[in-house]
Structures are given as structure tokens and as C-alpha cells.
Amino acid sequence: MNNQNLLSIGGNKTQNRKGLVLLSSRELDKMRVVGKLAANLLNHLEPMVQPGVTTKELDDEAARFMKENGSVSATIGYAPPNHPPYPGHVCTSVNEVVCHGIPNSKQVLQEGDIINIDVTPILDGYHGDTSRTFLVGDVSDKARKLVEVTKESMMRGIAQVKPDGRIGDIGAAIQEYAEANGYSVVRDMVGHGVGRVFHTEPQVPHYGKRNTGMKLRKGMVFTIEPMLNEGTYKLKFLKDGWTVITQDRKLSAQFEHTVAVTDDGVEILTLAG
């Protein structure tokens, strides 16, 4: 499938995006509120991530939590071009699933699994987009290391965000750290602008060269969401129209924050509180 024709929950490369938007201070306040809600949702789900729990149970509890907190899911029924409506309130991506795993009553978490849970509540018209990869029970050292390196690679990418920085600085920092630890960085999925619209400019690749790409400006808000694979970065898209797995079926992990470019640096908007 041509990655230039894709649009996805997690931010596939695409030409079908809205233009760049700079958020006002009032809009940033709204993004802080929904971002905190998204982070709190992941905290709420974390104790449920245990062997024997189905991904559908996680989805049901996420839906209940969002409703209880006055929000709705951005993913349920989301249907970009050439995709069927997404059937889940969250994405649950287990082991070799890179992203967009669909919650399923038959998918039972097993001891040693890793699972990324990707959430995007909408509150007062604004999207809070974040994800984490969780460990299910006792996991192997190699799985634990992949998860730890993925989280650190995201943080190193975030550390590059500042006015007059470049999009390429973010990807370069992530790629350098990932590859130094023996992992590949997924190319076909990228971070994206977010606010009132789920996916806007800029696109934020998680690989690249320093001092290249769009210049960052105060008021830009976007996700940084690297996906690191044990083996090849190449992917396989399943026939359900959503699920993406590693081509070699090796493990994949992902972390995601929504960030804002500030006067002198960066603010992470998807922190719990």
C-alpha cells in the first residue's frame, strides 16, 4: 500500500491533512485540560493490564471513563479515506502489532506480552492524544529493554523542540538513540499536528537529519510518537483496514506525547495530574 495515500489514528504519512495551525493561549489551556484527561485515562487503565484481561475489557473501561469525564473518543467510528470506520474507543497494539490494534473480546493478554494503548479523548472540541506501552506481568529482558529505549527515544525527541528548531532535529535525535541500541524506527507512521482537528500539519517523522525540515514556531502543537521495532522497520497492513504489524513479526513498542512549542522551549501537554 502506498504510504502517501494513508491517513490513520496514529499519524500515517499522508497528503490529506489540514494546514498548519498555531494555537492561541486560550486554545492551549483547553489542550492542557484534555491532555491531562488523556494521561489520567492511561493511568486509570494501567492496573487492568494483567494476564487474563481482554483488550475489549480495556476498551470498555476506557469508554466508561471518557463518558464519566464528559469526553468522547476520537477513534470510535473514525473513517478516513480508504478505511472502514474504526470500531474501538482506543487502540490496543500487542507484541508485533505496531499500531491501530483493534480491541477484541477474544484477545486475552498473556504473561510476557507488551501492549501499547493509544487514547484520544475529545473534550470541549479539543483532542488529547497520547499512548504508552505497558508490560504484562513478567516480561523478557529484551522486551523490557525495547520498551525502555522507546520511551527514552521519545523524550530525546521532545528535548529538541524549541522555537526556530527544525522538525528534522526531532527525528534525528530519536533515530540516533534507537539505532545505537540496535532498533529500527518505523518510517511509515509519523507524528502530527493536533488541536480541534485530529490530524493537521506538521508531519513529524521519527527519523531524519538535523537542521532539516519545517522550522518550529511558538503555538505549534503536535505529537511525537516513535515506534521502534526489534527487527526491520518495514510493516504489513492487515486486511481489516487498520491493524499494522511488523513485517518480520518481531516486537514493536511505541510511546506518544502531545507537545507545544513555547516561548523558549517545549511543554508536554499530556501529563497526568
Foldseek 3Di string as FASTA:
>chain_A
DDLQPDDALQAFNYPPFAAFDFADPVLLVVLLVQLQLQLVLCVVLQVVLEFFDFLVVNQVVSQVSQVVVPWAAPQDQDADPPAGRQHTSKAKAKFQFQTRHHTDPPHTDHQAIKIKIWTWIADPLFTHTWIAIDHHHDHDPVVVVQRVLQVVLLVQLQQQFAAQFFLQNSLDSSQVSQVVVQKHWAFRGFKAFTTSDSGHDDTRGNHHHGPDHDGDDARTKMKGKIKIFNDDNDWDDDPNRGTIGRPVSGGITMTMFIWGHHNGGIDTSNHHD
